[in-house]
Amino acid sequence: MHERPTPSARRRLLLATLALLPLGARAQSPAPAIEVYKSPSCGCCKDWIKHLQANGFTNLRVHDTGNSAARSRLGMPSKFGSCHTATVDGYVLEGHVPAADLRRLLKERPAALGLAVPDMPIGSPGMDGADYGDRRDPYDVLLVARDGTARVFNSYHRANKT
């Protein structure tokens, strides 16, 4: 007669089996939910959403109600304003924040209100591509503190294409 493995032995066997699986076969944690507040007619907001989706952020809920009230309610200072505001996992995103910076924010989890790309810089996600002549203006992604101050989180200072 065979003895049943103890719970700790079963757990070790499961972990050993998972370690042998290819990375793509392992269960991945679901993408965090992102709530986006934007104008119903804004094309660059739609393009930013497509950028997020293409980069694995597929759990999006879009509110075509404008973003001024949401920005105010969420505490993002208007001086960092742009055409859309979003929330993700306790953070506020303002404007055309690149998916790579969003990933870094969620990985590092700094004590902050969130990220902002003020205005609508050409070359940022959603404000890029052939519609803009492939132009890339320099811009910064700001880490906004809860007291309204900000520091540079990442810089995009590529040369313009003319």
N, C-alpha and C. Protein backbone atom coordinates (compact mmCIF):
# COMPACT_ATOMS: atom_id res chain seq x y z
N MET A 1 0.83 -1.17 0.00
CA MET A 1 0.00 0.00 0.00
C MET A 1 0.89 1.25 0.00
N HIS A 2 0.48 2.26 -0.79
CA HIS A 2 1.25 3.49 -0.91
C HIS A 2 0.75 4.52 0.11
N GLU A 3 1.71 5.23 0.69
CA GLU A 3 1.34 6.32 1.59
C GLU A 3 1.00 7.56 0.77
N ARG A 4 0.04 8.31 1.24
CA ARG A 4 -0.31 9.58 0.59
C ARG A 4 0.76 10.62 0.90
N PRO A 5 1.17 11.41 -0.07
CA PRO A 5 2.17 12.44 0.19
C PRO A 5 1.61 13.50 1.15
N THR A 6 2.46 14.05 1.96
CA THR A 6 2.06 15.11 2.87
C THR A 6 1.76 16.37 2.06
N PRO A 7 1.02 17.32 2.64
CA PRO A 7 0.75 18.57 1.91
C PRO A 7 2.03 19.28 1.48
N SER A 8 3.05 19.28 2.32
CA SER A 8 4.30 19.96 1.93
C SER A 8 4.98 19.22 0.78
N ALA A 9 4.90 17.90 0.76
CA ALA A 9 5.49 17.13 -0.34
C ALA A 9 4.74 17.40 -1.64
N ARG A 10 3.41 17.50 -1.57
CA ARG A 10 2.61 17.82 -2.76
C ARG A 10 2.96 19.21 -3.28
N ARG A 11 3.14 20.18 -2.36
CA ARG A 11 3.48 21.55 -2.74
C ARG A 11 4.85 21.57 -3.44
N ARG A 12 5.84 20.85 -2.90
CA ARG A 12 7.16 20.80 -3.53
C ARG A 12 7.08 20.18 -4.92
N LEU A 13 6.28 19.14 -5.08
CA LEU A 13 6.12 18.50 -6.37
C LEU A 13 5.48 19.46 -7.37
N LEU A 14 4.47 20.18 -6.94
CA LEU A 14 3.81 21.16 -7.81
C LEU A 14 4.79 22.25 -8.23
N LEU A 15 5.55 22.79 -7.30
CA LEU A 15 6.52 23.85 -7.63
C LEU A 15 7.59 23.33 -8.59
N ALA A 16 8.04 22.11 -8.38
CA ALA A 16 9.05 21.53 -9.27
C ALA A 16 8.48 21.35 -10.68
N THR A 17 7.23 20.92 -10.78
CA THR A 17 6.58 20.75 -12.08
C THR A 17 6.42 22.08 -12.78
N LEU A 18 5.98 23.12 -12.05
CA LEU A 18 5.81 24.44 -12.64
C LEU A 18 7.13 25.00 -13.15
N ALA A 19 8.20 24.75 -12.42
CA ALA A 19 9.51 25.25 -12.83
C ALA A 19 9.96 24.65 -14.16
N LEU A 20 9.48 23.46 -14.49
CA LEU A 20 9.86 22.80 -15.73
C LEU A 20 9.05 23.27 -16.93
N LEU A 21 7.92 23.91 -16.68
CA LEU A 21 7.07 24.38 -17.78
C LEU A 21 7.71 25.57 -18.49
N PRO A 22 7.51 25.68 -19.80
CA PRO A 22 7.98 26.88 -20.49
C PRO A 22 7.28 28.10 -19.90
N LEU A 23 7.94 29.24 -19.95
CA LEU A 23 7.40 30.46 -19.35
C LEU A 23 6.00 30.78 -19.87
N GLY A 24 5.76 30.62 -21.15
CA GLY A 24 4.46 30.95 -21.72
C GLY A 24 3.34 30.04 -21.24
N ALA A 25 3.67 28.85 -20.74
CA ALA A 25 2.65 27.91 -20.29
C ALA A 25 2.25 28.15 -18.85
N ARG A 26 3.02 28.95 -18.11
CA ARG A 26 2.69 29.24 -16.72
C ARG A 26 1.53 30.22 -16.66
N ALA A 27 0.73 30.09 -15.63
CA ALA A 27 -0.38 31.03 -15.45
C ALA A 27 0.20 32.41 -15.18
N GLN A 28 -0.29 33.40 -15.90
CA GLN A 28 0.17 34.75 -15.69
C GLN A 28 -0.90 35.53 -14.95
N SER A 29 -0.45 36.47 -14.13
CA SER A 29 -1.42 37.26 -13.40
C SER A 29 -2.16 38.14 -14.40
N PRO A 30 -3.44 38.35 -14.17
CA PRO A 30 -4.22 39.15 -15.12
C PRO A 30 -3.72 40.60 -15.14
N ALA A 31 -3.86 41.23 -16.29
CA ALA A 31 -3.49 42.64 -16.41
C ALA A 31 -4.38 43.46 -15.49
N PRO A 32 -3.81 44.47 -14.86
CA PRO A 32 -4.64 45.28 -13.96
C PRO A 32 -5.70 46.04 -14.75
N ALA A 33 -6.82 46.29 -14.11
CA ALA A 33 -7.91 47.04 -14.74
C ALA A 33 -7.51 48.50 -14.85
N ILE A 34 -7.78 49.08 -16.01
CA ILE A 34 -7.50 50.50 -16.25
C ILE A 34 -8.80 51.18 -16.63
N GLU A 35 -9.12 52.26 -15.91
CA GLU A 35 -10.31 53.07 -16.20
C GLU A 35 -9.82 54.32 -16.92
N VAL A 36 -10.36 54.59 -18.10
CA VAL A 36 -9.94 55.74 -18.90
C VAL A 36 -11.12 56.70 -19.05
N TYR A 37 -10.85 57.99 -18.79
CA TYR A 37 -11.85 59.04 -18.95
C TYR A 37 -11.37 59.94 -20.08
N LYS A 38 -12.19 60.07 -21.14
CA LYS A 38 -11.79 60.82 -22.32
C LYS A 38 -13.00 61.39 -23.03
N SER A 39 -12.75 62.26 -23.98
CA SER A 39 -13.80 62.79 -24.84
C SER A 39 -14.21 61.70 -25.83
N PRO A 40 -15.51 61.62 -26.16
CA PRO A 40 -15.93 60.59 -27.11
C PRO A 40 -15.36 60.79 -28.51
N SER A 41 -14.92 61.99 -28.85
CA SER A 41 -14.46 62.24 -30.22
C SER A 41 -12.95 62.34 -30.34
N CYS A 42 -12.21 62.10 -29.28
CA CYS A 42 -10.75 62.29 -29.32
C CYS A 42 -10.05 61.10 -29.95
N GLY A 43 -9.46 61.30 -31.12
CA GLY A 43 -8.77 60.23 -31.83
C GLY A 43 -7.45 59.84 -31.18
N CYS A 44 -6.72 60.81 -30.63
CA CYS A 44 -5.42 60.46 -30.03
C CYS A 44 -5.62 59.65 -28.75
N CYS A 45 -6.73 59.87 -28.04
CA CYS A 45 -7.03 59.06 -26.85
C CYS A 45 -7.28 57.61 -27.27
N LYS A 46 -8.02 57.45 -28.35
CA LYS A 46 -8.28 56.10 -28.87
C LYS A 46 -6.97 55.43 -29.27
N ASP A 47 -6.06 56.20 -29.87
CA ASP A 47 -4.77 55.64 -30.27
C ASP A 47 -3.92 55.27 -29.07
N TRP A 48 -3.99 56.06 -27.98
CA TRP A 48 -3.27 55.72 -26.74
C TRP A 48 -3.82 54.42 -26.16
N ILE A 49 -5.13 54.24 -26.20
CA ILE A 49 -5.75 53.01 -25.71
C ILE A 49 -5.26 51.82 -26.55
N LYS A 50 -5.19 51.99 -27.87
CA LYS A 50 -4.66 50.93 -28.74
C LYS A 50 -3.21 50.61 -28.38
N HIS A 51 -2.42 51.63 -28.05
CA HIS A 51 -1.02 51.44 -27.63
C HIS A 51 -0.97 50.57 -26.37
N LEU A 52 -1.82 50.88 -25.39
CA LEU A 52 -1.85 50.07 -24.17
C LEU A 52 -2.23 48.63 -24.49
N GLN A 53 -3.27 48.45 -25.29
CA GLN A 53 -3.72 47.10 -25.64
C GLN A 53 -2.62 46.32 -26.36
N ALA A 54 -1.93 46.96 -27.28
CA ALA A 54 -0.85 46.29 -28.03
C ALA A 54 0.31 45.90 -27.12
N ASN A 55 0.38 46.53 -25.94
CA ASN A 55 1.44 46.25 -24.99
C ASN A 55 0.96 45.45 -23.78
N GLY A 56 -0.16 44.73 -23.96
CA GLY A 56 -0.61 43.77 -22.95
C GLY A 56 -1.59 44.29 -21.92
N PHE A 57 -1.94 45.56 -21.96
CA PHE A 57 -2.92 46.10 -21.03
C PHE A 57 -4.29 46.03 -21.71
N THR A 58 -4.95 44.90 -21.54
CA THR A 58 -6.19 44.65 -22.27
C THR A 58 -7.44 44.79 -21.41
N ASN A 59 -7.28 44.96 -20.12
CA ASN A 59 -8.43 45.07 -19.21
C ASN A 59 -8.75 46.55 -19.02
N LEU A 60 -9.36 47.15 -20.06
CA LEU A 60 -9.66 48.58 -20.04
C LEU A 60 -11.16 48.83 -20.03
N ARG A 61 -11.53 49.84 -19.29
CA ARG A 61 -12.91 50.32 -19.28
C ARG A 61 -12.86 51.80 -19.64
N VAL A 62 -13.51 52.17 -20.72
CA VAL A 62 -13.43 53.53 -21.25
C VAL A 62 -14.72 54.27 -20.97
N HIS A 63 -14.57 55.49 -20.42
CA HIS A 63 -15.71 56.38 -20.15
C HIS A 63 -15.60 57.57 -21.08
N ASP A 64 -16.51 57.69 -22.02
CA ASP A 64 -16.51 58.79 -22.98
C ASP A 64 -17.27 59.99 -22.41
N THR A 65 -16.80 60.46 -21.27
CA THR A 65 -17.48 61.54 -20.55
C THR A 65 -16.62 62.78 -20.40
N GLY A 66 -15.45 62.79 -21.03
CA GLY A 66 -14.49 63.86 -20.79
C GLY A 66 -13.64 63.50 -19.58
N ASN A 67 -12.59 64.28 -19.34
CA ASN A 67 -11.71 63.92 -18.24
C ASN A 67 -11.48 65.01 -17.20
N SER A 68 -11.99 66.20 -17.41
CA SER A 68 -11.74 67.29 -16.46
C SER A 68 -12.27 66.97 -15.07
N ALA A 69 -13.49 66.48 -14.97
CA ALA A 69 -14.07 66.15 -13.67
C ALA A 69 -13.31 65.00 -13.01
N ALA A 70 -12.93 64.00 -13.81
CA ALA A 70 -12.18 62.86 -13.27
C ALA A 70 -10.82 63.32 -12.77
N ARG A 71 -10.13 64.16 -13.54
CA ARG A 71 -8.82 64.66 -13.14
C ARG A 71 -8.93 65.38 -11.79
N SER A 72 -9.92 66.23 -11.67
CA SER A 72 -10.13 66.97 -10.42
C SER A 72 -10.46 66.04 -9.26
N ARG A 73 -11.38 65.12 -9.49
CA ARG A 73 -11.81 64.18 -8.45
C ARG A 73 -10.66 63.30 -7.97
N LEU A 74 -9.76 62.94 -8.87
CA LEU A 74 -8.65 62.05 -8.54
C LEU A 74 -7.44 62.79 -7.97
N GLY A 75 -7.49 64.13 -7.98
CA GLY A 75 -6.43 64.91 -7.36
C GLY A 75 -5.24 65.23 -8.24
N MET A 76 -5.35 64.99 -9.55
CA MET A 76 -4.24 65.32 -10.45
C MET A 76 -4.29 66.83 -10.72
N PRO A 77 -3.23 67.56 -10.38
CA PRO A 77 -3.23 69.00 -10.62
C PRO A 77 -3.43 69.34 -12.09
N SER A 78 -4.22 70.38 -12.34
CA SER A 78 -4.54 70.74 -13.73
C SER A 78 -3.30 71.18 -14.50
N LYS A 79 -2.24 71.61 -13.83
CA LYS A 79 -1.02 72.01 -14.54
C LYS A 79 -0.37 70.83 -15.28
N PHE A 80 -0.76 69.60 -14.92
CA PHE A 80 -0.25 68.42 -15.61
C PHE A 80 -1.27 67.87 -16.60
N GLY A 81 -2.32 68.63 -16.87
CA GLY A 81 -3.43 68.16 -17.67
C GLY A 81 -3.11 67.79 -19.10
N SER A 82 -3.93 66.88 -19.61
CA SER A 82 -3.87 66.44 -20.99
C SER A 82 -5.28 66.07 -21.42
N CYS A 83 -5.41 65.30 -22.48
CA CYS A 83 -6.72 65.02 -23.05
C CYS A 83 -7.43 63.80 -22.45
N HIS A 84 -6.73 63.01 -21.64
CA HIS A 84 -7.40 61.88 -20.99
C HIS A 84 -6.74 61.60 -19.64
N THR A 85 -7.52 61.01 -18.76
CA THR A 85 -7.08 60.66 -17.41
C THR A 85 -7.45 59.21 -17.20
N ALA A 86 -6.61 58.48 -16.50
CA ALA A 86 -6.89 57.06 -16.25
C ALA A 86 -6.48 56.70 -14.82
N THR A 87 -7.03 55.60 -14.35
CA THR A 87 -6.63 55.05 -13.06
C THR A 87 -6.22 53.60 -13.28
N VAL A 88 -5.22 53.17 -12.50
CA VAL A 88 -4.77 51.79 -12.57
C VAL A 88 -4.13 51.43 -11.23
N ASP A 89 -4.66 50.45 -10.59
CA ASP A 89 -4.05 49.86 -9.39
C ASP A 89 -3.65 50.91 -8.35
N GLY A 90 -4.52 51.90 -8.12
CA GLY A 90 -4.27 52.92 -7.11
C GLY A 90 -3.52 54.14 -7.60
N TYR A 91 -3.15 54.17 -8.86
CA TYR A 91 -2.43 55.30 -9.44
C TYR A 91 -3.30 56.04 -10.44
N VAL A 92 -2.96 57.31 -10.67
CA VAL A 92 -3.61 58.13 -11.68
C VAL A 92 -2.62 58.32 -12.83
N LEU A 93 -3.12 58.20 -14.05
CA LEU A 93 -2.32 58.47 -15.25
C LEU A 93 -2.94 59.65 -15.96
N GLU A 94 -2.13 60.59 -16.34
CA GLU A 94 -2.63 61.76 -17.07
C GLU A 94 -1.88 61.87 -18.38
N GLY A 95 -2.63 61.81 -19.47
CA GLY A 95 -2.03 62.00 -20.79
C GLY A 95 -1.41 60.75 -21.38
N HIS A 96 -0.52 60.99 -22.32
CA HIS A 96 0.02 59.95 -23.19
C HIS A 96 1.21 59.22 -22.57
N VAL A 97 0.98 58.57 -21.45
CA VAL A 97 2.01 57.82 -20.73
C VAL A 97 2.34 56.54 -21.51
N PRO A 98 3.62 56.32 -21.84
CA PRO A 98 3.99 55.08 -22.54
C PRO A 98 3.76 53.84 -21.67
N ALA A 99 3.39 52.75 -22.31
CA ALA A 99 3.14 51.49 -21.60
C ALA A 99 4.36 51.03 -20.81
N ALA A 100 5.56 51.26 -21.34
CA ALA A 100 6.78 50.85 -20.63
C ALA A 100 6.90 51.57 -19.29
N ASP A 101 6.52 52.84 -19.25
CA ASP A 101 6.58 53.59 -18.00
C ASP A 101 5.49 53.14 -17.03
N LEU A 102 4.33 52.78 -17.58
CA LEU A 102 3.26 52.23 -16.74
C LEU A 102 3.71 50.92 -16.11
N ARG A 103 4.34 50.06 -16.91
CA ARG A 103 4.87 48.79 -16.37
C ARG A 103 5.87 49.03 -15.24
N ARG A 104 6.77 49.99 -15.47
CA ARG A 104 7.78 50.32 -14.45
C ARG A 104 7.12 50.85 -13.18
N LEU A 105 6.12 51.71 -13.32
CA LEU A 105 5.39 52.23 -12.17
C LEU A 105 4.79 51.09 -11.35
N LEU A 106 4.14 50.16 -12.04
CA LEU A 106 3.47 49.06 -11.35
C LEU A 106 4.48 48.09 -10.73
N LYS A 107 5.66 48.00 -11.30
CA LYS A 107 6.70 47.13 -10.74
C LYS A 107 7.37 47.77 -9.52
N GLU A 108 7.72 49.06 -9.63
CA GLU A 108 8.45 49.74 -8.56
C GLU A 108 7.54 50.21 -7.43
N ARG A 109 6.28 50.50 -7.73
CA ARG A 109 5.28 50.92 -6.74
C ARG A 109 5.74 52.09 -5.87
N PRO A 110 6.17 53.21 -6.47
CA PRO A 110 6.59 54.35 -5.65
C PRO A 110 5.39 54.97 -4.92
N ALA A 111 5.68 55.62 -3.81
CA ALA A 111 4.64 56.36 -3.09
C ALA A 111 4.38 57.63 -3.89
N ALA A 112 3.32 57.64 -4.66
CA ALA A 112 3.02 58.78 -5.54
C ALA A 112 1.56 58.74 -5.94
N LEU A 113 1.09 59.86 -6.48
CA LEU A 113 -0.26 59.92 -7.05
C LEU A 113 -0.29 59.17 -8.38
N GLY A 114 0.74 59.37 -9.20
CA GLY A 114 0.78 58.67 -10.48
C GLY A 114 1.74 59.31 -11.46
N LEU A 115 1.49 59.08 -12.74
CA LEU A 115 2.33 59.59 -13.82
C LEU A 115 1.56 60.57 -14.69
N ALA A 116 2.29 61.53 -15.26
CA ALA A 116 1.67 62.50 -16.16
C ALA A 116 2.60 62.83 -17.31
N VAL A 117 2.00 62.96 -18.48
CA VAL A 117 2.66 63.53 -19.65
C VAL A 117 1.80 64.75 -20.00
N PRO A 118 2.18 65.92 -19.46
CA PRO A 118 1.36 67.12 -19.68
C PRO A 118 1.24 67.48 -21.15
N ASP A 119 0.12 68.14 -21.46
CA ASP A 119 -0.18 68.58 -22.81
C ASP A 119 -0.33 67.36 -23.72
N MET A 120 0.10 67.46 -24.94
CA MET A 120 -0.04 66.37 -25.90
C MET A 120 1.18 66.36 -26.80
N PRO A 121 2.34 65.95 -26.28
CA PRO A 121 3.56 66.03 -27.08
C PRO A 121 3.54 65.09 -28.29
N ILE A 122 3.90 65.63 -29.42
CA ILE A 122 3.95 64.83 -30.64
C ILE A 122 5.10 63.83 -30.50
N GLY A 123 4.80 62.59 -30.81
CA GLY A 123 5.76 61.51 -30.68
C GLY A 123 5.47 60.61 -29.50
N SER A 124 4.62 61.08 -28.57
CA SER A 124 4.22 60.23 -27.44
C SER A 124 3.16 59.24 -27.95
N PRO A 125 2.95 58.12 -27.23
CA PRO A 125 1.98 57.12 -27.70
C PRO A 125 0.59 57.73 -27.90
N GLY A 126 0.05 57.53 -29.08
CA GLY A 126 -1.24 58.11 -29.45
C GLY A 126 -1.09 59.41 -30.23
N MET A 127 0.07 60.03 -30.10
CA MET A 127 0.38 61.27 -30.82
C MET A 127 1.57 61.01 -31.74
N ASP A 128 1.62 59.81 -32.29
CA ASP A 128 2.77 59.41 -33.09
C ASP A 128 2.31 58.81 -34.42
N GLY A 129 3.26 58.44 -35.22
CA GLY A 129 2.96 57.77 -36.47
C GLY A 129 2.85 58.70 -37.65
N ALA A 130 2.37 58.13 -38.74
CA ALA A 130 2.31 58.83 -40.02
C ALA A 130 1.44 60.08 -39.97
N ASP A 131 0.38 60.08 -39.16
CA ASP A 131 -0.49 61.26 -39.05
C ASP A 131 0.28 62.49 -38.58
N TYR A 132 1.40 62.28 -37.91
CA TYR A 132 2.20 63.37 -37.37
C TYR A 132 3.54 63.49 -38.10
N GLY A 133 3.62 62.92 -39.29
CA GLY A 133 4.84 62.98 -40.08
C GLY A 133 6.01 62.30 -39.40
N ASP A 134 5.69 61.33 -38.53
CA ASP A 134 6.70 60.60 -37.76
C ASP A 134 7.60 61.54 -36.95
N ARG A 135 7.09 62.73 -36.64
CA ARG A 135 7.82 63.71 -35.83
C ARG A 135 7.85 63.24 -34.38
N ARG A 136 8.93 63.51 -33.69
CA ARG A 136 9.07 63.15 -32.28
C ARG A 136 9.64 64.34 -31.53
N ASP A 137 8.79 65.02 -30.79
CA ASP A 137 9.25 66.12 -29.95
C ASP A 137 9.71 65.56 -28.61
N PRO A 138 10.70 66.19 -27.98
CA PRO A 138 11.14 65.71 -26.67
C PRO A 138 10.04 65.94 -25.62
N TYR A 139 9.93 65.01 -24.68
CA TYR A 139 8.98 65.18 -23.58
C TYR A 139 9.44 64.34 -22.39
N ASP A 140 8.88 64.69 -21.24
CA ASP A 140 9.17 63.97 -20.01
C ASP A 140 7.90 63.32 -19.48
N VAL A 141 8.08 62.15 -18.87
CA VAL A 141 7.03 61.51 -18.08
C VAL A 141 7.33 61.90 -16.65
N LEU A 142 6.34 62.50 -15.99
CA LEU A 142 6.53 63.00 -14.63
C LEU A 142 5.92 62.05 -13.61
N LEU A 143 6.61 61.86 -12.50
CA LEU A 143 6.06 61.15 -11.35
C LEU A 143 5.49 62.23 -10.44
N VAL A 144 4.17 62.21 -10.28
CA VAL A 144 3.47 63.25 -9.53
C VAL A 144 3.22 62.76 -8.11
N ALA A 145 3.68 63.55 -7.14
CA ALA A 145 3.48 63.23 -5.72
C ALA A 145 2.09 63.67 -5.29
N ARG A 146 1.64 63.15 -4.19
CA ARG A 146 0.31 63.50 -3.68
C ARG A 146 0.20 64.97 -3.28
N ASP A 147 1.34 65.63 -3.02
CA ASP A 147 1.31 67.05 -2.66
C ASP A 147 1.33 67.96 -3.90
N GLY A 148 1.32 67.36 -5.10
CA GLY A 148 1.27 68.13 -6.33
C GLY A 148 2.62 68.45 -6.93
N THR A 149 3.69 68.08 -6.25
CA THR A 149 5.02 68.27 -6.84
C THR A 149 5.29 67.12 -7.80
N ALA A 150 6.31 67.30 -8.62
CA ALA A 150 6.63 66.26 -9.60
C ALA A 150 8.13 66.22 -9.85
N ARG A 151 8.58 65.07 -10.29
CA ARG A 151 9.97 64.91 -10.73
C ARG A 151 9.93 64.07 -12.00
N VAL A 152 11.00 64.12 -12.77
CA VAL A 152 11.07 63.37 -14.02
C VAL A 152 11.21 61.88 -13.70
N PHE A 153 10.32 61.09 -14.25
CA PHE A 153 10.32 59.63 -14.11
C PHE A 153 11.07 59.00 -15.28
N ASN A 154 10.89 59.59 -16.47
CA ASN A 154 11.57 59.13 -17.68
C ASN A 154 11.56 60.27 -18.70
N SER A 155 12.61 60.33 -19.51
CA SER A 155 12.71 61.37 -20.54
C SER A 155 12.76 60.75 -21.91
N TYR A 156 12.09 61.38 -22.83
CA TYR A 156 12.12 61.00 -24.24
C TYR A 156 12.61 62.22 -25.00
N HIS A 157 13.90 62.25 -25.28
CA HIS A 157 14.50 63.42 -25.92
C HIS A 157 15.16 63.03 -27.24
N ARG A 158 14.42 62.28 -28.03
CA ARG A 158 14.91 61.88 -29.35
C ARG A 158 14.90 63.07 -30.28
N ALA A 159 15.78 63.06 -31.23
CA ALA A 159 15.83 64.14 -32.21
C ALA A 159 14.57 64.13 -33.08
N ASN A 160 14.14 65.33 -33.44
CA ASN A 160 12.97 65.47 -34.34
C ASN A 160 13.30 64.96 -35.72
N LYS A 161 12.31 64.36 -36.36
CA LYS A 161 12.41 64.03 -37.78
C LYS A 161 11.68 65.13 -38.54
N THR A 162 12.32 65.69 -39.53
CA THR A 162 11.66 66.77 -40.28
C THR A 162 11.40 66.36 -41.70
